[in-house]
Amino acid sequence: MDQEIGKVTHYFDKAMVAVIKVSDDLRVGDTVKFKHADSEFAQTIGSMQIDHKNIDSVKAGEEVAIKVDQATHESAKVYKVE
């Protein structure tokens, strides 16, 4: 069962970057799934940034920017794929 771990708060389409407010810990290398209406895709996190600095992990309550492989939407739910 996939566990909801956050929501997209901003999406920058030119840069293909999603800003996610996380409700659980997340690290580079984790696989996440983005779901919005009928669209959904999964990807492994290759890099994350906070304030334009690369980081390896985030804790619940933080906002993190992630480069995404496909377009997503603000308010898309994010799940950790087990």
C-alpha atoms as a PDB file:
ATOM      1  CA  MET A   1       0.000   0.000   0.000  1.00  0.00           C
ATOM      2  CA  ASP A   2       1.396   3.386  -0.973  1.00  0.00           C
ATOM      3  CA  GLN A   3       1.683   5.895   1.865  1.00  0.00           C
ATOM      4  CA  GLU A   4       0.741   9.552   1.287  1.00  0.00           C
ATOM      5  CA  ILE A   5       3.755  11.648   2.261  1.00  0.00           C
ATOM      6  CA  GLY A   6       2.923  15.097   0.954  1.00  0.00           C
ATOM      7  CA  LYS A   7       1.302  17.474  -1.476  1.00  0.00           C
ATOM      8  CA  VAL A   8       2.656  19.602  -4.325  1.00  0.00           C
ATOM      9  CA  THR A   9       2.399  23.263  -3.253  1.00  0.00           C
ATOM     10  CA  HIS A  10       4.071  24.783  -6.336  1.00  0.00           C
ATOM     11  CA  TYR A  11       4.989  23.508  -9.781  1.00  0.00           C
ATOM     12  CA  PHE A  12       7.442  25.245 -12.096  1.00  0.00           C
ATOM     13  CA  ASP A  13       6.704  23.877 -15.565  1.00  0.00           C
ATOM     14  CA  LYS A  14       9.689  25.358 -17.430  1.00  0.00           C
ATOM     15  CA  ALA A  15      12.148  23.908 -14.893  1.00  0.00           C
ATOM     16  CA  MET A  16      10.020  20.756 -14.304  1.00  0.00           C
ATOM     17  CA  VAL A  17      10.375  21.207 -10.541  1.00  0.00           C
ATOM     18  CA  ALA A  18       7.709  20.386  -7.954  1.00  0.00           C
ATOM     19  CA  VAL A  19       7.780  21.885  -4.453  1.00  0.00           C
ATOM     20  CA  ILE A  20       6.374  19.395  -1.980  1.00  0.00           C
ATOM     21  CA  LYS A  21       5.247  19.966   1.611  1.00  0.00           C
ATOM     22  CA  VAL A  22       6.145  16.623   3.167  1.00  0.00           C
ATOM     23  CA  SER A  23       4.276  14.928   5.997  1.00  0.00           C
ATOM     24  CA  ASP A  24       6.837  12.143   6.430  1.00  0.00           C
ATOM     25  CA  ASP A  25      10.588  11.688   6.022  1.00  0.00           C
ATOM     26  CA  LEU A  26      11.873  11.465   2.463  1.00  0.00           C
ATOM     27  CA  ARG A  27      15.339  10.806   1.019  1.00  0.00           C
ATOM     28  CA  VAL A  28      17.164  10.804  -2.286  1.00  0.00           C
ATOM     29  CA  GLY A  29      16.717   7.332  -3.785  1.00  0.00           C
ATOM     30  CA  ASP A  30      13.133   6.900  -2.540  1.00  0.00           C
ATOM     31  CA  THR A  31      10.495   6.179  -5.167  1.00  0.00           C
ATOM     32  CA  VAL A  32       7.459   8.459  -5.101  1.00  0.00           C
ATOM     33  CA  LYS A  33       4.191   8.578  -7.019  1.00  0.00           C
ATOM     34  CA  PHE A  34       2.468  11.825  -8.040  1.00  0.00           C
ATOM     35  CA  LYS A  35      -1.347  11.619  -8.373  1.00  0.00           C
ATOM     36  CA  HIS A  36      -3.684  14.351  -9.623  1.00  0.00           C
ATOM     37  CA  ALA A  37      -7.158  13.627 -11.036  1.00  0.00           C
ATOM     38  CA  ASP A  38      -6.637  10.954 -13.710  1.00  0.00           C
ATOM     39  CA  SER A  39      -2.890  11.465 -14.126  1.00  0.00           C
ATOM     40  CA  GLU A  40      -0.283   9.599 -12.128  1.00  0.00           C
ATOM     41  CA  PHE A  41       3.381   8.690 -12.495  1.00  0.00           C
ATOM     42  CA  ALA A  42       6.151   7.288 -10.325  1.00  0.00           C
ATOM     43  CA  GLN A  43       9.814   8.175 -10.232  1.00  0.00           C
ATOM     44  CA  THR A  44      12.896   7.714  -8.091  1.00  0.00           C
ATOM     45  CA  ILE A  45      14.130  10.919  -6.462  1.00  0.00           C
ATOM     46  CA  GLY A  46      17.490  11.823  -7.975  1.00  0.00           C
ATOM     47  CA  SER A  47      18.016  15.118  -6.152  1.00  0.00           C
ATOM     48  CA  MET A  48      16.282  17.441  -3.716  1.00  0.00           C
ATOM     49  CA  GLN A  49      16.868  21.049  -2.753  1.00  0.00           C
ATOM     50  CA  ILE A  50      15.873  23.449  -0.005  1.00  0.00           C
ATOM     51  CA  ASP A  51      16.689  27.115  -0.656  1.00  0.00           C
ATOM     52  CA  HIS A  52      18.700  26.109  -3.774  1.00  0.00           C
ATOM     53  CA  LYS A  53      21.006  23.839  -1.718  1.00  0.00           C
ATOM     54  CA  ASN A  54      21.234  20.121  -2.485  1.00  0.00           C
ATOM     55  CA  ILE A  55      20.184  17.892   0.404  1.00  0.00           C
ATOM     56  CA  ASP A  56      19.913  14.128   0.932  1.00  0.00           C
ATOM     57  CA  SER A  57      16.786  13.975   3.106  1.00  0.00           C
ATOM     58  CA  VAL A  58      13.914  15.989   4.581  1.00  0.00           C
ATOM     59  CA  LYS A  59      11.775  15.562   7.666  1.00  0.00           C
ATOM     60  CA  ALA A  60       8.010  15.884   8.062  1.00  0.00           C
ATOM     61  CA  GLY A  61       6.809  19.492   7.862  1.00  0.00           C
ATOM     62  CA  GLU A  62       9.528  20.736   5.496  1.00  0.00           C
ATOM     63  CA  GLU A  63       9.105  21.939   1.911  1.00  0.00           C
ATOM     64  CA  VAL A  64      11.465  20.499  -0.673  1.00  0.00           C
ATOM     65  CA  ALA A  65      12.002  21.044  -4.396  1.00  0.00           C
ATOM     66  CA  ILE A  66      12.286  17.936  -6.562  1.00  0.00           C
ATOM     67  CA  LYS A  67      13.079  17.718 -10.275  1.00  0.00           C
ATOM     68  CA  VAL A  68      10.274  15.694 -11.864  1.00  0.00           C
ATOM     69  CA  ASP A  69      10.307  13.478 -14.967  1.00  0.00           C
ATOM     70  CA  GLN A  70       6.779  14.424 -16.049  1.00  0.00           C
ATOM     71  CA  ALA A  71       4.473  17.394 -15.643  1.00  0.00           C
ATOM     72  CA  THR A  72       2.426  17.458 -12.446  1.00  0.00           C
ATOM     73  CA  HIS A  73       0.018  19.933 -10.839  1.00  0.00           C
ATOM     74  CA  GLU A  74      -0.252  22.025  -7.716  1.00  0.00           C
ATOM     75  CA  SER A  75      -2.308  20.118  -5.120  1.00  0.00           C
ATOM     76  CA  ALA A  76      -1.195  16.738  -6.547  1.00  0.00           C
ATOM     77  CA  LYS A  77      -0.808  14.173  -3.785  1.00  0.00           C
ATOM     78  CA  VAL A  78       2.570  12.504  -3.350  1.00  0.00           C
ATOM     79  CA  TYR A  79       2.938   8.905  -2.161  1.00  0.00           C
ATOM     80  CA  LYS A  80       5.989   6.911  -1.143  1.00  0.00           C
ATOM     81  CA  VAL A  81       6.104   3.660  -3.107  1.00  0.00           C
ATOM     82  CA  GLU A  82       7.143   0.731  -0.931  1.00  0.00           C
END
